[in-house]
Amino acid sequence: NSGGTVIKSDETEVGEQWWAVVTPFSSSAMGDAVSSDTITIFETCCQLRGDVAEPKDGSVLVDDLVWLVDYIFKGGTAPSCLEEGDCAVPLDGIILVNDIVWLVDYLFKSGAAPPPCW
């Protein structure tokens, strides 16, 4: 994030998370260096990557894997939060077969857990 600091806000509504990215910068347009901060706010629905099956249960289980297989290969229902279905590193913002492979590895081969939501 180019030197910024990510700060999670505690003031969230149910099902929403607000984050601030604070990036220090300086400007010398007036001849003197002036320090300031830039704050970018964005919203994410992501609570736990891999937890895609409804109803949400706060954990990554085989039902989540089945949900993604059904979505990708059978045209099933999309996860309510697409970001949670993007499980494989590097995160690419798209739910693909590599996300299913990541969950299989995690659930059945003691592989790495999906990365945290931002």
N, C-alpha and C. Protein backbone atom coordinates (compact mmCIF):
# COMPACT_ATOMS: atom_id res chain seq x y z
N ASN A 1 0.81 -1.19 0.00
CA ASN A 1 0.00 0.00 0.00
C ASN A 1 0.86 1.26 0.00
N SER A 2 1.99 1.21 -0.60
CA SER A 2 2.89 2.35 -0.80
C SER A 2 3.18 3.13 0.48
N GLY A 3 3.48 2.41 1.56
CA GLY A 3 3.91 3.07 2.78
C GLY A 3 2.79 3.53 3.69
N GLY A 4 1.55 3.25 3.32
CA GLY A 4 0.43 3.68 4.15
C GLY A 4 0.20 2.72 5.30
N THR A 5 -0.66 3.11 6.21
CA THR A 5 -1.02 2.29 7.35
C THR A 5 -2.51 2.01 7.25
N VAL A 6 -2.89 0.73 7.34
CA VAL A 6 -4.29 0.35 7.27
C VAL A 6 -4.85 0.31 8.68
N ILE A 7 -5.94 1.02 8.87
CA ILE A 7 -6.57 1.12 10.18
C ILE A 7 -8.02 0.68 10.05
N LYS A 8 -8.44 -0.30 10.85
CA LYS A 8 -9.83 -0.74 10.84
C LYS A 8 -10.63 0.13 11.79
N SER A 9 -11.77 0.60 11.33
CA SER A 9 -12.64 1.40 12.17
C SER A 9 -13.49 0.49 13.05
N ASP A 10 -13.71 0.90 14.29
CA ASP A 10 -14.60 0.15 15.16
C ASP A 10 -16.05 0.54 14.95
N GLU A 11 -16.29 1.60 14.21
CA GLU A 11 -17.64 2.08 13.96
C GLU A 11 -18.16 1.45 12.68
N THR A 12 -18.70 0.22 12.79
CA THR A 12 -19.19 -0.49 11.62
C THR A 12 -20.65 -0.84 11.81
N GLU A 13 -21.35 -0.96 10.70
CA GLU A 13 -22.71 -1.44 10.74
C GLU A 13 -22.65 -2.95 10.57
N VAL A 14 -23.72 -3.64 10.89
CA VAL A 14 -23.76 -5.08 10.77
C VAL A 14 -23.49 -5.47 9.32
N GLY A 15 -22.54 -6.38 9.12
CA GLY A 15 -22.20 -6.85 7.79
C GLY A 15 -21.30 -5.93 6.99
N GLU A 16 -20.87 -4.82 7.56
CA GLU A 16 -20.01 -3.89 6.84
C GLU A 16 -18.75 -3.63 7.66
N GLN A 17 -17.65 -3.44 6.96
CA GLN A 17 -16.42 -3.03 7.61
C GLN A 17 -15.90 -1.82 6.87
N TRP A 18 -15.47 -0.82 7.60
CA TRP A 18 -14.89 0.37 7.00
C TRP A 18 -13.42 0.41 7.37
N TRP A 19 -12.59 0.74 6.41
CA TRP A 19 -11.16 0.77 6.61
C TRP A 19 -10.62 2.11 6.15
N ALA A 20 -9.59 2.58 6.77
CA ALA A 20 -8.92 3.81 6.34
C ALA A 20 -7.48 3.48 6.00
N VAL A 21 -7.01 3.94 4.87
CA VAL A 21 -5.61 3.81 4.50
C VAL A 21 -4.99 5.19 4.65
N VAL A 22 -4.08 5.34 5.58
CA VAL A 22 -3.46 6.62 5.86
C VAL A 22 -2.07 6.63 5.25
N THR A 23 -1.84 7.56 4.31
CA THR A 23 -0.57 7.65 3.60
C THR A 23 0.04 9.02 3.82
N PRO A 24 1.15 9.08 4.57
CA PRO A 24 1.80 10.38 4.76
C PRO A 24 2.43 10.88 3.45
N PHE A 25 2.42 12.19 3.24
CA PHE A 25 3.08 12.77 2.09
C PHE A 25 3.53 14.17 2.45
N SER A 26 4.36 14.75 1.61
CA SER A 26 4.77 16.13 1.85
C SER A 26 4.63 16.91 0.55
N SER A 27 4.42 18.18 0.69
CA SER A 27 4.26 19.06 -0.47
C SER A 27 5.16 20.27 -0.28
N SER A 28 5.81 20.68 -1.34
CA SER A 28 6.66 21.86 -1.23
C SER A 28 6.25 22.91 -2.24
N ALA A 29 4.97 22.93 -2.58
CA ALA A 29 4.46 23.89 -3.56
C ALA A 29 4.63 25.33 -3.09
N MET A 30 4.60 25.54 -1.77
CA MET A 30 4.73 26.88 -1.22
C MET A 30 6.17 27.20 -0.82
N GLY A 31 7.11 26.31 -1.16
CA GLY A 31 8.50 26.54 -0.81
C GLY A 31 8.92 25.87 0.48
N ASP A 32 8.00 25.68 1.41
CA ASP A 32 8.29 25.00 2.66
C ASP A 32 7.62 23.63 2.63
N ALA A 33 8.29 22.63 3.19
CA ALA A 33 7.71 21.28 3.24
C ALA A 33 6.53 21.28 4.21
N VAL A 34 5.40 20.79 3.76
CA VAL A 34 4.20 20.71 4.58
C VAL A 34 3.81 19.25 4.66
N SER A 35 3.73 18.73 5.86
CA SER A 35 3.34 17.33 6.04
C SER A 35 1.83 17.27 6.23
N SER A 36 1.24 16.23 5.69
CA SER A 36 -0.19 16.04 5.80
C SER A 36 -0.49 14.56 5.68
N ASP A 37 -1.73 14.18 5.81
CA ASP A 37 -2.16 12.80 5.66
C ASP A 37 -3.29 12.73 4.64
N THR A 38 -3.34 11.63 3.92
CA THR A 38 -4.44 11.36 3.01
C THR A 38 -5.19 10.16 3.56
N ILE A 39 -6.50 10.23 3.62
CA ILE A 39 -7.28 9.12 4.12
C ILE A 39 -8.22 8.65 3.01
N THR A 40 -8.13 7.36 2.71
CA THR A 40 -9.01 6.73 1.73
C THR A 40 -9.88 5.74 2.48
N ILE A 41 -11.18 5.84 2.33
CA ILE A 41 -12.12 4.95 3.00
C ILE A 41 -12.73 4.03 1.94
N PHE A 42 -12.76 2.73 2.22
CA PHE A 42 -13.45 1.81 1.33
C PHE A 42 -14.19 0.77 2.15
N GLU A 43 -15.17 0.16 1.54
CA GLU A 43 -16.03 -0.80 2.22
C GLU A 43 -15.73 -2.20 1.70
N THR A 44 -15.80 -3.19 2.58
CA THR A 44 -15.64 -4.58 2.18
C THR A 44 -16.69 -5.42 2.89
N CYS A 45 -17.18 -6.42 2.18
CA CYS A 45 -18.14 -7.35 2.78
C CYS A 45 -17.42 -8.53 3.40
N CYS A 46 -16.15 -8.66 3.14
CA CYS A 46 -15.37 -9.84 3.53
C CYS A 46 -15.22 -9.94 5.05
N GLN A 47 -15.60 -11.07 5.58
CA GLN A 47 -15.42 -11.37 7.00
C GLN A 47 -14.37 -12.47 7.19
N LEU A 48 -14.48 -13.55 6.37
CA LEU A 48 -13.57 -14.69 6.45
C LEU A 48 -13.47 -15.32 5.07
N ARG A 49 -12.29 -15.23 4.46
CA ARG A 49 -12.12 -15.84 3.13
C ARG A 49 -12.34 -17.34 3.23
N GLY A 50 -13.11 -17.86 2.28
CA GLY A 50 -13.42 -19.28 2.26
C GLY A 50 -14.77 -19.61 2.86
N ASP A 51 -15.30 -18.77 3.71
CA ASP A 51 -16.61 -19.00 4.33
C ASP A 51 -17.68 -18.45 3.38
N VAL A 52 -18.09 -19.26 2.40
CA VAL A 52 -19.00 -18.78 1.37
C VAL A 52 -20.39 -19.41 1.43
N ALA A 53 -20.53 -20.57 2.06
CA ALA A 53 -21.82 -21.25 2.10
C ALA A 53 -22.79 -20.50 3.01
N GLU A 54 -24.04 -20.49 2.59
CA GLU A 54 -25.09 -19.86 3.40
C GLU A 54 -25.83 -20.95 4.17
N PRO A 55 -26.19 -20.72 5.41
CA PRO A 55 -25.91 -19.52 6.18
C PRO A 55 -24.45 -19.50 6.64
N LYS A 56 -23.93 -18.30 6.82
CA LYS A 56 -22.55 -18.13 7.26
C LYS A 56 -22.39 -18.72 8.66
N ASP A 57 -21.27 -19.44 8.86
CA ASP A 57 -21.05 -20.04 10.17
C ASP A 57 -19.73 -19.61 10.81
N GLY A 58 -18.99 -18.71 10.15
CA GLY A 58 -17.77 -18.20 10.74
C GLY A 58 -16.59 -19.14 10.69
N SER A 59 -16.68 -20.19 9.84
CA SER A 59 -15.57 -21.11 9.70
C SER A 59 -15.53 -21.62 8.25
N VAL A 60 -14.40 -22.17 7.86
CA VAL A 60 -14.23 -22.73 6.52
C VAL A 60 -14.34 -24.24 6.62
N LEU A 61 -15.39 -24.79 6.01
CA LEU A 61 -15.69 -26.21 6.09
C LEU A 61 -15.93 -26.78 4.70
N VAL A 62 -16.19 -28.08 4.64
CA VAL A 62 -16.42 -28.74 3.35
C VAL A 62 -17.63 -28.14 2.63
N ASP A 63 -18.65 -27.69 3.34
CA ASP A 63 -19.80 -27.09 2.66
C ASP A 63 -19.41 -25.84 1.87
N ASP A 64 -18.39 -25.13 2.32
CA ASP A 64 -17.90 -23.97 1.58
C ASP A 64 -17.21 -24.40 0.29
N LEU A 65 -16.46 -25.47 0.36
CA LEU A 65 -15.81 -26.03 -0.82
C LEU A 65 -16.86 -26.49 -1.84
N VAL A 66 -17.88 -27.19 -1.38
CA VAL A 66 -18.96 -27.66 -2.25
C VAL A 66 -19.66 -26.47 -2.90
N TRP A 67 -19.89 -25.40 -2.13
CA TRP A 67 -20.55 -24.19 -2.65
C TRP A 67 -19.76 -23.61 -3.82
N LEU A 68 -18.41 -23.51 -3.66
CA LEU A 68 -17.58 -22.96 -4.73
C LEU A 68 -17.54 -23.86 -5.95
N VAL A 69 -17.47 -25.18 -5.74
CA VAL A 69 -17.49 -26.13 -6.87
C VAL A 69 -18.81 -25.98 -7.62
N ASP A 70 -19.91 -25.90 -6.91
CA ASP A 70 -21.22 -25.73 -7.53
C ASP A 70 -21.29 -24.41 -8.30
N TYR A 71 -20.76 -23.36 -7.73
CA TYR A 71 -20.77 -22.04 -8.37
C TYR A 71 -19.95 -22.04 -9.66
N ILE A 72 -18.74 -22.57 -9.59
CA ILE A 72 -17.84 -22.51 -10.75
C ILE A 72 -18.23 -23.50 -11.85
N PHE A 73 -18.55 -24.74 -11.47
CA PHE A 73 -18.75 -25.78 -12.48
C PHE A 73 -20.19 -26.06 -12.85
N LYS A 74 -21.15 -25.64 -12.02
CA LYS A 74 -22.55 -25.94 -12.31
C LYS A 74 -23.41 -24.70 -12.43
N GLY A 75 -22.80 -23.52 -12.36
CA GLY A 75 -23.58 -22.29 -12.45
C GLY A 75 -24.45 -22.05 -11.24
N GLY A 76 -24.00 -22.54 -10.09
CA GLY A 76 -24.76 -22.38 -8.86
C GLY A 76 -24.75 -20.93 -8.37
N THR A 77 -25.34 -20.74 -7.23
CA THR A 77 -25.46 -19.42 -6.63
C THR A 77 -24.08 -18.87 -6.28
N ALA A 78 -23.86 -17.61 -6.65
CA ALA A 78 -22.60 -16.95 -6.31
C ALA A 78 -22.55 -16.70 -4.81
N PRO A 79 -21.35 -16.71 -4.25
CA PRO A 79 -21.24 -16.33 -2.83
C PRO A 79 -21.80 -14.93 -2.62
N SER A 80 -22.41 -14.70 -1.46
CA SER A 80 -22.98 -13.38 -1.18
C SER A 80 -21.90 -12.30 -1.14
N CYS A 81 -20.68 -12.70 -0.84
CA CYS A 81 -19.53 -11.79 -0.87
C CYS A 81 -18.46 -12.46 -1.73
N LEU A 82 -18.32 -11.99 -2.96
CA LEU A 82 -17.37 -12.62 -3.88
C LEU A 82 -15.94 -12.58 -3.36
N GLU A 83 -15.61 -11.56 -2.59
CA GLU A 83 -14.26 -11.44 -2.03
C GLU A 83 -13.93 -12.63 -1.12
N GLU A 84 -14.92 -13.18 -0.44
CA GLU A 84 -14.68 -14.32 0.44
C GLU A 84 -14.38 -15.59 -0.35
N GLY A 85 -14.79 -15.66 -1.60
CA GLY A 85 -14.49 -16.81 -2.44
C GLY A 85 -13.11 -16.76 -3.07
N ASP A 86 -12.48 -15.61 -3.04
CA ASP A 86 -11.13 -15.44 -3.57
C ASP A 86 -10.16 -15.84 -2.46
N CYS A 87 -9.73 -17.12 -2.48
CA CYS A 87 -8.98 -17.69 -1.36
C CYS A 87 -7.51 -17.91 -1.64
N ALA A 88 -7.13 -18.01 -2.91
CA ALA A 88 -5.77 -18.40 -3.26
C ALA A 88 -4.85 -17.18 -3.37
N VAL A 89 -3.62 -17.39 -2.92
CA VAL A 89 -2.59 -16.34 -3.03
C VAL A 89 -1.84 -16.56 -4.33
N PRO A 90 -1.60 -15.51 -5.12
CA PRO A 90 -1.95 -14.12 -4.84
C PRO A 90 -3.43 -13.88 -5.09
N LEU A 91 -4.01 -13.00 -4.29
CA LEU A 91 -5.42 -12.65 -4.45
C LEU A 91 -5.58 -11.90 -5.76
N ASP A 92 -6.55 -12.34 -6.57
CA ASP A 92 -6.73 -11.73 -7.89
C ASP A 92 -8.11 -11.11 -8.08
N GLY A 93 -8.96 -11.21 -7.06
CA GLY A 93 -10.28 -10.60 -7.14
C GLY A 93 -11.29 -11.40 -7.94
N ILE A 94 -10.93 -12.61 -8.35
CA ILE A 94 -11.80 -13.45 -9.16
C ILE A 94 -11.85 -14.84 -8.53
N ILE A 95 -13.02 -15.46 -8.54
CA ILE A 95 -13.13 -16.83 -8.04
C ILE A 95 -12.84 -17.78 -9.20
N LEU A 96 -11.76 -18.56 -9.04
CA LEU A 96 -11.29 -19.47 -10.08
C LEU A 96 -11.02 -20.84 -9.48
N VAL A 97 -10.64 -21.80 -10.32
CA VAL A 97 -10.34 -23.15 -9.87
C VAL A 97 -9.22 -23.14 -8.83
N ASN A 98 -8.25 -22.24 -8.96
CA ASN A 98 -7.16 -22.21 -7.97
C ASN A 98 -7.67 -21.90 -6.57
N ASP A 99 -8.79 -21.23 -6.45
CA ASP A 99 -9.38 -20.97 -5.13
C ASP A 99 -9.94 -22.27 -4.54
N ILE A 100 -10.53 -23.11 -5.38
CA ILE A 100 -11.01 -24.42 -4.93
C ILE A 100 -9.83 -25.29 -4.51
N VAL A 101 -8.79 -25.31 -5.33
CA VAL A 101 -7.59 -26.10 -5.01
C VAL A 101 -7.01 -25.65 -3.67
N TRP A 102 -6.97 -24.33 -3.43
CA TRP A 102 -6.45 -23.80 -2.16
C TRP A 102 -7.25 -24.35 -0.99
N LEU A 103 -8.60 -24.34 -1.13
CA LEU A 103 -9.44 -24.84 -0.03
C LEU A 103 -9.28 -26.34 0.17
N VAL A 104 -9.15 -27.11 -0.92
CA VAL A 104 -8.91 -28.55 -0.79
C VAL A 104 -7.62 -28.79 -0.02
N ASP A 105 -6.57 -28.07 -0.40
CA ASP A 105 -5.28 -28.20 0.28
C ASP A 105 -5.40 -27.84 1.75
N TYR A 106 -6.11 -26.76 2.04
CA TYR A 106 -6.29 -26.31 3.42
C TYR A 106 -7.10 -27.32 4.24
N LEU A 107 -8.21 -27.79 3.68
CA LEU A 107 -9.11 -28.66 4.43
C LEU A 107 -8.61 -30.09 4.57
N PHE A 108 -7.92 -30.62 3.55
CA PHE A 108 -7.58 -32.04 3.54
C PHE A 108 -6.09 -32.35 3.60
N LYS A 109 -5.24 -31.36 3.42
CA LYS A 109 -3.80 -31.61 3.40
C LYS A 109 -3.03 -30.71 4.36
N SER A 110 -3.71 -30.10 5.30
CA SER A 110 -3.09 -29.19 6.27
C SER A 110 -2.32 -28.06 5.60
N GLY A 111 -2.86 -27.57 4.48
CA GLY A 111 -2.25 -26.44 3.78
C GLY A 111 -2.53 -25.13 4.50
N ALA A 112 -2.00 -24.08 3.93
CA ALA A 112 -2.18 -22.75 4.51
C ALA A 112 -3.65 -22.32 4.46
N ALA A 113 -4.07 -21.64 5.51
CA ALA A 113 -5.43 -21.08 5.56
C ALA A 113 -5.54 -19.97 4.52
N PRO A 114 -6.75 -19.71 4.03
CA PRO A 114 -6.92 -18.56 3.15
C PRO A 114 -6.46 -17.29 3.87
N PRO A 115 -5.93 -16.33 3.12
CA PRO A 115 -5.45 -15.11 3.77
C PRO A 115 -6.60 -14.33 4.39
N PRO A 116 -6.29 -13.48 5.35
CA PRO A 116 -7.34 -12.70 6.00
C PRO A 116 -7.93 -11.65 5.06
N CYS A 117 -9.12 -11.23 5.38
CA CYS A 117 -9.73 -10.12 4.65
C CYS A 117 -8.97 -8.84 5.01
N TRP A 118 -8.95 -7.91 4.11
CA TRP A 118 -8.19 -6.68 4.36
C TRP A 118 -8.89 -5.80 5.31
